[in-house]
Amino acid sequence: MEFSIYSDDVRDFDDAVDRKFDIRSEYGSTIFDDRGKLSVENFEYTVEPQTYLAVMIDLQEQVDNLRKDVKQLKKIVGWTCGYDDNGWDVDKSLSKRVKSLEEQVEVSSE
């Protein structure tokens, strides 16, 4: 058995691979919402649940929901420790906050 591969066969191979991995070339740009995230709201075709696209869309929704949950939880607990890369309140450490609450309890119990 003999194989022959010519330079014409692989000339645009990198470009072809890049195009194949670009979702827009397969599904169009309507698969993205106004934030640039995968969404089927404006997509004109149905997405079968067992496809890679459906899994990616589901994962994107899970990530978005987790971000909302974390933001809400940080708001509920009054996030005040750690680093401030997302604009959270970091003016006091957690131990200072606990000490402050303990002092308030002592004052109110007197």
PDB file of N, CA and C in Angstrom:
ATOM      1  N   MET A   1       0.843  -1.163   0.000  1.00  0.00           N
ATOM      2  CA  MET A   1       0.000   0.000   0.000  1.00  0.00           C
ATOM      3  C   MET A   1       0.897   1.237   0.000  1.00  0.00           C
ATOM      4  N   GLU A   2       0.525   2.204  -0.790  1.00  0.00           N
ATOM      5  CA  GLU A   2       1.330   3.407  -0.917  1.00  0.00           C
ATOM      6  C   GLU A   2       0.435   4.643  -0.773  1.00  0.00           C
ATOM      7  N   PHE A   3       0.923   5.607  -0.021  1.00  0.00           N
ATOM      8  CA  PHE A   3       0.200   6.869   0.169  1.00  0.00           C
ATOM      9  C   PHE A   3       0.996   7.997  -0.444  1.00  0.00           C
ATOM     10  N   SER A   4       0.304   8.904  -1.055  1.00  0.00           N
ATOM     11  CA  SER A   4       0.951  10.097  -1.591  1.00  0.00           C
ATOM     12  C   SER A   4       0.238  11.326  -1.034  1.00  0.00           C
ATOM     13  N   ILE A   5       1.019  12.198  -0.427  1.00  0.00           N
ATOM     14  CA  ILE A   5       0.467  13.446   0.092  1.00  0.00           C
ATOM     15  C   ILE A   5       1.201  14.577  -0.600  1.00  0.00           C
ATOM     16  N   TYR A   6       0.435  15.471  -1.182  1.00  0.00           N
ATOM     17  CA  TYR A   6       1.019  16.593  -1.908  1.00  0.00           C
ATOM     18  C   TYR A   6       0.899  17.870  -1.081  1.00  0.00           C
ATOM     19  N   SER A   7       1.742  18.804  -1.372  1.00  0.00           N
ATOM     20  CA  SER A   7       1.726  20.062  -0.620  1.00  0.00           C
ATOM     21  C   SER A   7       0.396  20.783  -0.771  1.00  0.00           C
ATOM     22  N   ASP A   8      -0.271  20.600  -1.890  1.00  0.00           N
ATOM     23  CA  ASP A   8      -1.588  21.219  -2.079  1.00  0.00           C
ATOM     24  C   ASP A   8      -2.613  20.679  -1.080  1.00  0.00           C
ATOM     25  N   ASP A   9      -2.406  19.436  -0.625  1.00  0.00           N
ATOM     26  CA  ASP A   9      -3.339  18.824   0.320  1.00  0.00           C
ATOM     27  C   ASP A   9      -3.280  19.463   1.697  1.00  0.00           C
ATOM     28  N   VAL A  10      -2.140  19.969   2.099  1.00  0.00           N
ATOM     29  CA  VAL A  10      -1.964  20.496   3.454  1.00  0.00           C
ATOM     30  C   VAL A  10      -1.617  21.981   3.487  1.00  0.00           C
ATOM     31  N   ARG A  11      -1.683  22.639   2.361  1.00  0.00           N
ATOM     32  CA  ARG A  11      -1.281  24.042   2.283  1.00  0.00           C
ATOM     33  C   ARG A  11      -2.062  24.904   3.267  1.00  0.00           C
ATOM     34  N   ASP A  12      -3.371  24.792   3.291  1.00  0.00           N
ATOM     35  CA  ASP A  12      -4.204  25.611   4.166  1.00  0.00           C
ATOM     36  C   ASP A  12      -4.717  24.829   5.370  1.00  0.00           C
ATOM     37  N   PHE A  13      -3.948  23.861   5.791  1.00  0.00           N
ATOM     38  CA  PHE A  13      -4.397  22.983   6.867  1.00  0.00           C
ATOM     39  C   PHE A  13      -4.659  23.756   8.160  1.00  0.00           C
ATOM     40  N   ASP A  14      -3.736  24.637   8.562  1.00  0.00           N
ATOM     41  CA  ASP A  14      -3.917  25.408   9.793  1.00  0.00           C
ATOM     42  C   ASP A  14      -5.173  26.273   9.728  1.00  0.00           C
ATOM     43  N   ASP A  15      -5.385  26.916   8.600  1.00  0.00           N
ATOM     44  CA  ASP A  15      -6.585  27.738   8.442  1.00  0.00           C
ATOM     45  C   ASP A  15      -7.851  26.890   8.486  1.00  0.00           C
ATOM     46  N   ALA A  16      -7.793  25.716   7.890  1.00  0.00           N
ATOM     47  CA  ALA A  16      -8.960  24.828   7.885  1.00  0.00           C
ATOM     48  C   ALA A  16      -9.287  24.364   9.302  1.00  0.00           C
ATOM     49  N   VAL A  17      -8.266  24.053  10.083  1.00  0.00           N
ATOM     50  CA  VAL A  17      -8.477  23.631  11.471  1.00  0.00           C
ATOM     51  C   VAL A  17      -9.050  24.791  12.282  1.00  0.00           C
ATOM     52  N   ASP A  18      -8.496  25.988  12.122  1.00  0.00           N
ATOM     53  CA  ASP A  18      -9.011  27.165  12.830  1.00  0.00           C
ATOM     54  C   ASP A  18     -10.476  27.422  12.483  1.00  0.00           C
ATOM     55  N   ARG A  19     -10.821  27.305  11.218  1.00  0.00           N
ATOM     56  CA  ARG A  19     -12.215  27.508  10.804  1.00  0.00           C
ATOM     57  C   ARG A  19     -13.132  26.460  11.416  1.00  0.00           C
ATOM     58  N   LYS A  20     -12.650  25.225  11.495  1.00  0.00           N
ATOM     59  CA  LYS A  20     -13.480  24.146  12.044  1.00  0.00           C
ATOM     60  C   LYS A  20     -13.743  24.349  13.529  1.00  0.00           C
ATOM     61  N   PHE A  21     -12.763  24.885  14.254  1.00  0.00           N
ATOM     62  CA  PHE A  21     -12.948  25.115  15.684  1.00  0.00           C
ATOM     63  C   PHE A  21     -13.698  26.409  15.975  1.00  0.00           C
ATOM     64  N   ASP A  22     -13.914  27.246  15.003  1.00  0.00           N
ATOM     65  CA  ASP A  22     -14.663  28.485  15.184  1.00  0.00           C
ATOM     66  C   ASP A  22     -16.147  28.172  15.052  1.00  0.00           C
ATOM     67  N   ILE A  23     -16.872  28.315  16.126  1.00  0.00           N
ATOM     68  CA  ILE A  23     -18.297  27.977  16.146  1.00  0.00           C
ATOM     69  C   ILE A  23     -19.070  28.797  15.133  1.00  0.00           C
ATOM     70  N   ARG A  24     -18.649  30.034  14.913  1.00  0.00           N
ATOM     71  CA  ARG A  24     -19.362  30.903  13.967  1.00  0.00           C
ATOM     72  C   ARG A  24     -19.367  30.341  12.562  1.00  0.00           C
ATOM     73  N   SER A  25     -18.296  29.663  12.154  1.00  0.00           N
ATOM     74  CA  SER A  25     -18.260  29.119  10.800  1.00  0.00           C
ATOM     75  C   SER A  25     -19.248  27.968  10.631  1.00  0.00           C
ATOM     76  N   GLU A  26     -19.547  27.278  11.703  1.00  0.00           N
ATOM     77  CA  GLU A  26     -20.474  26.152  11.648  1.00  0.00           C
ATOM     78  C   GLU A  26     -21.928  26.579  11.891  1.00  0.00           C
ATOM     79  N   TYR A  27     -22.136  27.472  12.896  1.00  0.00           N
ATOM     80  CA  TYR A  27     -23.490  27.815  13.328  1.00  0.00           C
ATOM     81  C   TYR A  27     -23.879  29.268  13.087  1.00  0.00           C
ATOM     82  N   GLY A  28     -22.926  30.110  12.725  1.00  0.00           N
ATOM     83  CA  GLY A  28     -23.217  31.526  12.530  1.00  0.00           C
ATOM     84  C   GLY A  28     -23.065  32.310  13.821  1.00  0.00           C
ATOM     85  N   SER A  29     -23.104  33.604  13.720  1.00  0.00           N
ATOM     86  CA  SER A  29     -22.889  34.441  14.899  1.00  0.00           C
ATOM     87  C   SER A  29     -24.147  34.612  15.737  1.00  0.00           C
ATOM     88  N   THR A  30     -25.316  34.145  15.251  1.00  0.00           N
ATOM     89  CA  THR A  30     -26.542  34.275  16.040  1.00  0.00           C
ATOM     90  C   THR A  30     -26.563  33.341  17.241  1.00  0.00           C
ATOM     91  N   ILE A  31     -25.607  32.437  17.324  1.00  0.00           N
ATOM     92  CA  ILE A  31     -25.525  31.530  18.467  1.00  0.00           C
ATOM     93  C   ILE A  31     -25.009  32.252  19.712  1.00  0.00           C
ATOM     94  N   PHE A  32     -24.478  33.463  19.527  1.00  0.00           N
ATOM     95  CA  PHE A  32     -23.952  34.238  20.650  1.00  0.00           C
ATOM     96  C   PHE A  32     -24.937  35.334  21.039  1.00  0.00           C
ATOM     97  N   ASP A  33     -25.040  35.597  22.343  1.00  0.00           N
ATOM     98  CA  ASP A  33     -25.899  36.690  22.784  1.00  0.00           C
ATOM     99  C   ASP A  33     -25.120  38.002  22.759  1.00  0.00           C
ATOM    100  N   ASP A  34     -25.725  39.069  23.271  1.00  0.00           N
ATOM    101  CA  ASP A  34     -25.090  40.381  23.208  1.00  0.00           C
ATOM    102  C   ASP A  34     -23.854  40.491  24.102  1.00  0.00           C
ATOM    103  N   ARG A  35     -23.662  39.536  25.025  1.00  0.00           N
ATOM    104  CA  ARG A  35     -22.468  39.512  25.873  1.00  0.00           C
ATOM    105  C   ARG A  35     -21.345  38.664  25.271  1.00  0.00           C
ATOM    106  N   GLY A  36     -21.633  38.029  24.133  1.00  0.00           N
ATOM    107  CA  GLY A  36     -20.641  37.155  23.515  1.00  0.00           C
ATOM    108  C   GLY A  36     -20.659  35.740  24.073  1.00  0.00           C
ATOM    109  N   LYS A  37     -21.693  35.395  24.834  1.00  0.00           N
ATOM    110  CA  LYS A  37     -21.831  34.064  25.423  1.00  0.00           C
ATOM    111  C   LYS A  37     -22.726  33.199  24.542  1.00  0.00           C
ATOM    112  N   LEU A  38     -22.514  31.900  24.597  1.00  0.00           N
ATOM    113  CA  LEU A  38     -23.351  30.975  23.838  1.00  0.00           C
ATOM    114  C   LEU A  38     -24.778  31.010  24.358  1.00  0.00           C
ATOM    115  N   SER A  39     -25.727  31.098  23.460  1.00  0.00           N
ATOM    116  CA  SER A  39     -27.136  31.148  23.834  1.00  0.00           C
ATOM    117  C   SER A  39     -27.967  30.696  22.644  1.00  0.00           C
ATOM    118  N   VAL A  40     -29.089  30.034  22.922  1.00  0.00           N
ATOM    119  CA  VAL A  40     -29.965  29.595  21.834  1.00  0.00           C
ATOM    120  C   VAL A  40     -31.171  30.514  21.677  1.00  0.00           C
ATOM    121  N   GLU A  41     -31.203  31.616  22.412  1.00  0.00           N
ATOM    122  CA  GLU A  41     -32.350  32.521  22.344  1.00  0.00           C
ATOM    123  C   GLU A  41     -32.556  33.077  20.935  1.00  0.00           C
ATOM    124  N   ASN A  42     -31.490  33.474  20.259  1.00  0.00           N
ATOM    125  CA  ASN A  42     -31.607  34.044  18.918  1.00  0.00           C
ATOM    126  C   ASN A  42     -31.248  33.045  17.815  1.00  0.00           C
ATOM    127  N   PHE A  43     -30.941  31.824  18.197  1.00  0.00           N
ATOM    128  CA  PHE A  43     -30.517  30.815  17.234  1.00  0.00           C
ATOM    129  C   PHE A  43     -31.741  30.262  16.516  1.00  0.00           C
ATOM    130  N   GLU A  44     -31.676  30.172  15.214  1.00  0.00           N
ATOM    131  CA  GLU A  44     -32.858  29.802  14.434  1.00  0.00           C
ATOM    132  C   GLU A  44     -33.112  28.304  14.314  1.00  0.00           C
ATOM    133  N   TYR A  45     -32.189  27.478  14.747  1.00  0.00           N
ATOM    134  CA  TYR A  45     -32.357  26.030  14.651  1.00  0.00           C
ATOM    135  C   TYR A  45     -32.371  25.413  16.041  1.00  0.00           C
ATOM    136  N   THR A  46     -32.882  24.195  16.125  1.00  0.00           N
ATOM    137  CA  THR A  46     -32.852  23.502  17.413  1.00  0.00           C
ATOM    138  C   THR A  46     -31.467  22.899  17.631  1.00  0.00           C
ATOM    139  N   VAL A  47     -31.080  22.806  18.870  1.00  0.00           N
ATOM    140  CA  VAL A  47     -29.796  22.205  19.245  1.00  0.00           C
ATOM    141  C   VAL A  47     -30.114  20.887  19.936  1.00  0.00           C
ATOM    142  N   GLU A  48     -29.618  19.816  19.370  1.00  0.00           N
ATOM    143  CA  GLU A  48     -29.862  18.500  19.947  1.00  0.00           C
ATOM    144  C   GLU A  48     -29.126  18.379  21.288  1.00  0.00           C
ATOM    145  N   PRO A  49     -29.771  17.804  22.306  1.00  0.00           N
ATOM    146  CA  PRO A  49     -29.194  17.761  23.651  1.00  0.00           C
ATOM    147  C   PRO A  49     -27.873  17.000  23.766  1.00  0.00           C
ATOM    148  N   GLN A  50     -27.605  16.055  22.896  1.00  0.00           N
ATOM    149  CA  GLN A  50     -26.397  15.235  23.027  1.00  0.00           C
ATOM    150  C   GLN A  50     -25.198  15.791  22.256  1.00  0.00           C
ATOM    151  N   THR A  51     -25.311  16.963  21.688  1.00  0.00           N
ATOM    152  CA  THR A  51     -24.212  17.507  20.892  1.00  0.00           C
ATOM    153  C   THR A  51     -23.251  18.318  21.758  1.00  0.00           C
ATOM    154  N   TYR A  52     -22.047  18.513  21.241  1.00  0.00           N
ATOM    155  CA  TYR A  52     -21.059  19.322  21.950  1.00  0.00           C
ATOM    156  C   TYR A  52     -21.565  20.749  22.160  1.00  0.00           C
ATOM    157  N   LEU A  53     -22.265  21.282  21.191  1.00  0.00           N
ATOM    158  CA  LEU A  53     -22.794  22.633  21.300  1.00  0.00           C
ATOM    159  C   LEU A  53     -23.781  22.733  22.461  1.00  0.00           C
ATOM    160  N   ALA A  54     -24.659  21.756  22.592  1.00  0.00           N
ATOM    161  CA  ALA A  54     -25.623  21.762  23.694  1.00  0.00           C
ATOM    162  C   ALA A  54     -24.920  21.679  25.041  1.00  0.00           C
ATOM    163  N   VAL A  55     -23.892  20.866  25.116  1.00  0.00           N
ATOM    164  CA  VAL A  55     -23.122  20.747  26.362  1.00  0.00           C
ATOM    165  C   VAL A  55     -22.436  22.076  26.690  1.00  0.00           C
ATOM    166  N   MET A  56     -21.855  22.733  25.693  1.00  0.00           N
ATOM    167  CA  MET A  56     -21.192  24.017  25.928  1.00  0.00           C
ATOM    168  C   MET A  56     -22.195  25.082  26.374  1.00  0.00           C
ATOM    169  N   ILE A  57     -23.363  25.096  25.768  1.00  0.00           N
ATOM    170  CA  ILE A  57     -24.390  26.062  26.156  1.00  0.00           C
ATOM    171  C   ILE A  57     -24.837  25.799  27.587  1.00  0.00           C
ATOM    172  N   ASP A  58     -25.031  24.542  27.935  1.00  0.00           N
ATOM    173  CA  ASP A  58     -25.426  24.182  29.290  1.00  0.00           C
ATOM    174  C   ASP A  58     -24.351  24.583  30.294  1.00  0.00           C
ATOM    175  N   LEU A  59     -23.097  24.324  29.963  1.00  0.00           N
ATOM    176  CA  LEU A  59     -22.000  24.710  30.859  1.00  0.00           C
ATOM    177  C   LEU A  59     -21.933  26.218  31.024  1.00  0.00           C
ATOM    178  N   GLN A  60     -22.170  26.958  29.936  1.00  0.00           N
ATOM    179  CA  GLN A  60     -22.167  28.424  30.028  1.00  0.00           C
ATOM    180  C   GLN A  60     -23.260  28.904  30.977  1.00  0.00           C
ATOM    181  N   GLU A  61     -24.445  28.296  30.900  1.00  0.00           N
ATOM    182  CA  GLU A  61     -25.535  28.655  31.802  1.00  0.00           C
ATOM    183  C   GLU A  61     -25.182  28.330  33.249  1.00  0.00           C
ATOM    184  N   GLN A  62     -24.531  27.179  33.474  1.00  0.00           N
ATOM    185  CA  GLN A  62     -24.131  26.811  34.828  1.00  0.00           C
ATOM    186  C   GLN A  62     -23.115  27.801  35.391  1.00  0.00           C
ATOM    187  N   VAL A  63     -22.157  28.201  34.590  1.00  0.00           N
ATOM    188  CA  VAL A  63     -21.157  29.169  35.034  1.00  0.00           C
ATOM    189  C   VAL A  63     -21.826  30.494  35.374  1.00  0.00           C
ATOM    190  N   ASP A  64     -22.724  30.959  34.526  1.00  0.00           N
ATOM    191  CA  ASP A  64     -23.433  32.212  34.794  1.00  0.00           C
ATOM    192  C   ASP A  64     -24.237  32.127  36.090  1.00  0.00           C
ATOM    193  N   ASN A  65     -24.935  31.009  36.295  1.00  0.00           N
ATOM    194  CA  ASN A  65     -25.712  30.824  37.527  1.00  0.00           C
ATOM    195  C   ASN A  65     -24.814  30.780  38.751  1.00  0.00           C
ATOM    196  N   LEU A  66     -23.670  30.107  38.647  1.00  0.00           N
ATOM    197  CA  LEU A  66     -22.743  30.053  39.778  1.00  0.00           C
ATOM    198  C   LEU A  66     -22.189  31.434  40.107  1.00  0.00           C
ATOM    199  N   ARG A  67     -21.892  32.226  39.085  1.00  0.00           N
ATOM    200  CA  ARG A  67     -21.415  33.592  39.337  1.00  0.00           C
ATOM    201  C   ARG A  67     -22.464  34.402  40.085  1.00  0.00           C
ATOM    202  N   LYS A  68     -23.732  34.268  39.676  1.00  0.00           N
ATOM    203  CA  LYS A  68     -24.813  34.976  40.365  1.00  0.00           C
ATOM    204  C   LYS A  68     -24.929  34.510  41.810  1.00  0.00           C
ATOM    205  N   ASP A  69     -24.852  33.184  42.026  1.00  0.00           N
ATOM    206  CA  ASP A  69     -24.956  32.642  43.379  1.00  0.00           C
ATOM    207  C   ASP A  69     -23.822  33.136  44.271  1.00  0.00           C
ATOM    208  N   VAL A  70     -22.607  33.103  43.762  1.00  0.00           N
ATOM    209  CA  VAL A  70     -21.456  33.553  44.544  1.00  0.00           C
ATOM    210  C   VAL A  70     -21.590  35.033  44.881  1.00  0.00           C
ATOM    211  N   LYS A  71     -22.007  35.819  43.909  1.00  0.00           N
ATOM    212  CA  LYS A  71     -22.187  37.253  44.150  1.00  0.00           C
ATOM    213  C   LYS A  71     -23.241  37.482  45.235  1.00  0.00           C
ATOM    214  N   GLN A  72     -24.349  36.760  45.159  1.00  0.00           N
ATOM    215  CA  GLN A  72     -25.403  36.902  46.152  1.00  0.00           C
ATOM    216  C   GLN A  72     -24.934  36.429  47.528  1.00  0.00           C
ATOM    217  N   LEU A  73     -24.226  35.326  47.580  1.00  0.00           N
ATOM    218  CA  LEU A  73     -23.718  34.826  48.864  1.00  0.00           C
ATOM    219  C   LEU A  73     -22.731  35.803  49.491  1.00  0.00           C
ATOM    220  N   LYS A  74     -21.893  36.398  48.675  1.00  0.00           N
ATOM    221  CA  LYS A  74     -20.947  37.382  49.201  1.00  0.00           C
ATOM    222  C   LYS A  74     -21.680  38.611  49.722  1.00  0.00           C
ATOM    223  N   LYS A  75     -22.762  38.958  49.073  1.00  0.00           N
ATOM    224  CA  LYS A  75     -23.570  40.088  49.540  1.00  0.00           C
ATOM    225  C   LYS A  75     -24.233  39.737  50.877  1.00  0.00           C
ATOM    226  N   ILE A  76     -24.754  38.517  50.985  1.00  0.00           N
ATOM    227  CA  ILE A  76     -25.448  38.085  52.198  1.00  0.00           C
ATOM    228  C   ILE A  76     -24.504  38.061  53.396  1.00  0.00           C
ATOM    229  N   VAL A  77     -23.301  37.509  53.203  1.00  0.00           N
ATOM    230  CA  VAL A  77     -22.374  37.379  54.330  1.00  0.00           C
ATOM    231  C   VAL A  77     -21.544  38.635  54.535  1.00  0.00           C
ATOM    232  N   GLY A  78     -21.711  39.625  53.693  1.00  0.00           N
ATOM    233  CA  GLY A  78     -20.944  40.860  53.838  1.00  0.00           C
ATOM    234  C   GLY A  78     -19.470  40.627  53.619  1.00  0.00           C
ATOM    235  N   TRP A  79     -19.133  40.115  52.473  1.00  0.00           N
ATOM    236  CA  TRP A  79     -17.759  39.759  52.131  1.00  0.00           C
ATOM    237  C   TRP A  79     -16.805  40.896  52.447  1.00  0.00           C
ATOM    238  N   THR A  80     -15.914  40.668  53.410  1.00  0.00           N
ATOM    239  CA  THR A  80     -14.992  41.726  53.798  1.00  0.00           C
ATOM    240  C   THR A  80     -13.572  41.228  53.972  1.00  0.00           C
ATOM    241  N   CYS A  81     -13.250  40.089  53.443  1.00  0.00           N
ATOM    242  CA  CYS A  81     -11.875  39.622  53.543  1.00  0.00           C
ATOM    243  C   CYS A  81     -11.434  39.092  52.192  1.00  0.00           C
ATOM    244  N   GLY A  82     -10.176  38.926  52.034  1.00  0.00           N
ATOM    245  CA  GLY A  82      -9.651  38.441  50.769  1.00  0.00           C
ATOM    246  C   GLY A  82      -9.095  39.576  49.949  1.00  0.00           C
ATOM    247  N   TYR A  83      -9.096  39.427  48.675  1.00  0.00           N
ATOM    248  CA  TYR A  83      -8.547  40.435  47.777  1.00  0.00           C
ATOM    249  C   TYR A  83      -9.671  41.077  46.990  1.00  0.00           C
ATOM    250  N   ASP A  84      -9.422  42.269  46.537  1.00  0.00           N
ATOM    251  CA  ASP A  84     -10.467  43.043  45.874  1.00  0.00           C
ATOM    252  C   ASP A  84     -10.221  43.097  44.377  1.00  0.00           C
ATOM    253  N   ASP A  85     -10.554  42.012  43.689  1.00  0.00           N
ATOM    254  CA  ASP A  85     -10.406  42.021  42.238  1.00  0.00           C
ATOM    255  C   ASP A  85     -11.752  42.193  41.550  1.00  0.00           C
ATOM    256  N   ASN A  86     -12.830  42.160  42.324  1.00  0.00           N
ATOM    257  CA  ASN A  86     -14.160  42.302  41.741  1.00  0.00           C
ATOM    258  C   ASN A  86     -14.965  43.423  42.385  1.00  0.00           C
ATOM    259  N   GLY A  87     -14.304  44.296  43.124  1.00  0.00           N
ATOM    260  CA  GLY A  87     -15.006  45.403  43.744  1.00  0.00           C
ATOM    261  C   GLY A  87     -15.733  45.044  45.022  1.00  0.00           C
ATOM    262  N   TRP A  88     -15.346  43.944  45.684  1.00  0.00           N
ATOM    263  CA  TRP A  88     -15.986  43.575  46.932  1.00  0.00           C
ATOM    264  C   TRP A  88     -15.429  44.434  48.059  1.00  0.00           C
ATOM    265  N   ASP A  89     -16.188  44.541  49.127  1.00  0.00           N
ATOM    266  CA  ASP A  89     -15.722  45.281  50.293  1.00  0.00           C
ATOM    267  C   ASP A  89     -14.624  44.492  50.987  1.00  0.00           C
ATOM    268  N   VAL A  90     -13.483  45.114  51.177  1.00  0.00           N
ATOM    269  CA  VAL A  90     -12.367  44.422  51.837  1.00  0.00           C
ATOM    270  C   VAL A  90     -11.733  45.311  52.898  1.00  0.00           C
ATOM    271  N   ASP A  91     -12.536  46.219  53.479  1.00  0.00           N
ATOM    272  CA  ASP A  91     -11.968  47.163  54.422  1.00  0.00           C
ATOM    273  C   ASP A  91     -11.614  46.537  55.766  1.00  0.00           C
ATOM    274  N   LYS A  92     -12.243  45.425  56.151  1.00  0.00           N
ATOM    275  CA  LYS A  92     -11.946  44.768  57.421  1.00  0.00           C
ATOM    276  C   LYS A  92     -11.709  43.279  57.196  1.00  0.00           C
ATOM    277  N   SER A  93     -10.909  42.710  58.055  1.00  0.00           N
ATOM    278  CA  SER A  93     -10.751  41.258  57.978  1.00  0.00           C
ATOM    279  C   SER A  93     -11.917  40.606  58.708  1.00  0.00           C
ATOM    280  N   LEU A  94     -12.111  39.341  58.517  1.00  0.00           N
ATOM    281  CA  LEU A  94     -13.216  38.628  59.141  1.00  0.00           C
ATOM    282  C   LEU A  94     -13.071  38.623  60.661  1.00  0.00           C
ATOM    283  N   SER A  95     -11.849  38.466  61.160  1.00  0.00           N
ATOM    284  CA  SER A  95     -11.654  38.448  62.618  1.00  0.00           C
ATOM    285  C   SER A  95     -11.994  39.801  63.232  1.00  0.00           C
ATOM    286  N   LYS A  96     -11.672  40.894  62.550  1.00  0.00           N
ATOM    287  CA  LYS A  96     -12.043  42.221  63.050  1.00  0.00           C
ATOM    288  C   LYS A  96     -13.551  42.379  63.071  1.00  0.00           C
ATOM    289  N   ARG A  97     -14.211  41.828  62.077  1.00  0.00           N
ATOM    290  CA  ARG A  97     -15.665  41.901  62.021  1.00  0.00           C
ATOM    291  C   ARG A  97     -16.310  41.128  63.160  1.00  0.00           C
ATOM    292  N   VAL A  98     -15.782  39.934  63.440  1.00  0.00           N
ATOM    293  CA  VAL A  98     -16.307  39.119  64.537  1.00  0.00           C
ATOM    294  C   VAL A  98     -16.092  39.843  65.855  1.00  0.00           C
ATOM    295  N   LYS A  99     -14.910  40.410  66.042  1.00  0.00           N
ATOM    296  CA  LYS A  99     -14.615  41.148  67.270  1.00  0.00           C
ATOM    297  C   LYS A  99     -15.572  42.324  67.433  1.00  0.00           C
ATOM    298  N   SER A 100     -15.840  43.029  66.356  1.00  0.00           N
ATOM    299  CA  SER A 100     -16.770  44.161  66.387  1.00  0.00           C
ATOM    300  C   SER A 100     -18.169  43.701  66.777  1.00  0.00           C
ATOM    301  N   LEU A 101     -18.617  42.584  66.223  1.00  0.00           N
ATOM    302  CA  LEU A 101     -19.935  42.047  66.570  1.00  0.00           C
ATOM    303  C   LEU A 101     -19.988  41.603  68.028  1.00  0.00           C
ATOM    304  N   GLU A 102     -18.910  41.008  68.521  1.00  0.00           N
ATOM    305  CA  GLU A 102     -18.853  40.593  69.918  1.00  0.00           C
ATOM    306  C   GLU A 102     -18.944  41.797  70.834  1.00  0.00           C
ATOM    307  N   GLU A 103     -18.272  42.877  70.479  1.00  0.00           N
ATOM    308  CA  GLU A 103     -18.321  44.094  71.281  1.00  0.00           C
ATOM    309  C   GLU A 103     -19.731  44.671  71.279  1.00  0.00           C
ATOM    310  N   GLN A 104     -20.405  44.618  70.135  1.00  0.00           N
ATOM    311  CA  GLN A 104     -21.775  45.125  70.079  1.00  0.00           C
ATOM    312  C   GLN A 104     -22.711  44.300  70.951  1.00  0.00           C
ATOM    313  N   VAL A 105     -22.497  42.972  70.988  1.00  0.00           N
ATOM    314  CA  VAL A 105     -23.317  42.095  71.824  1.00  0.00           C
ATOM    315  C   VAL A 105     -23.068  42.399  73.287  1.00  0.00           C
ATOM    316  N   GLU A 106     -21.810  42.607  73.667  1.00  0.00           N
ATOM    317  CA  GLU A 106     -21.472  42.915  75.063  1.00  0.00           C
ATOM    318  C   GLU A 106     -22.110  44.231  75.503  1.00  0.00           C
ATOM    319  N   VAL A 107     -22.061  45.217  74.643  1.00  0.00           N
ATOM    320  CA  VAL A 107     -22.643  46.523  74.973  1.00  0.00           C
ATOM    321  C   VAL A 107     -24.165  46.424  75.104  1.00  0.00           C
ATOM    322  N   SER A 108     -24.797  45.686  74.230  1.00  0.00           N
ATOM    323  CA  SER A 108     -26.255  45.579  74.277  1.00  0.00           C
ATOM    324  C   SER A 108     -26.728  44.727  75.440  1.00  0.00           C
ATOM    325  N   SER A 109     -25.907  43.807  75.937  1.00  0.00           N
ATOM    326  CA  SER A 109     -26.304  42.942  77.056  1.00  0.00           C
ATOM    327  C   SER A 109     -26.119  43.649  78.393  1.00  0.00           C
ATOM    328  N   GLU A 110     -25.399  44.749  78.444  1.00  0.00           N
ATOM    329  CA  GLU A 110     -25.178  45.474  79.706  1.00  0.00           C
ATOM    330  C   GLU A 110     -26.313  46.299  80.085  1.00  0.00           C
TER     331      GLU A 110
END
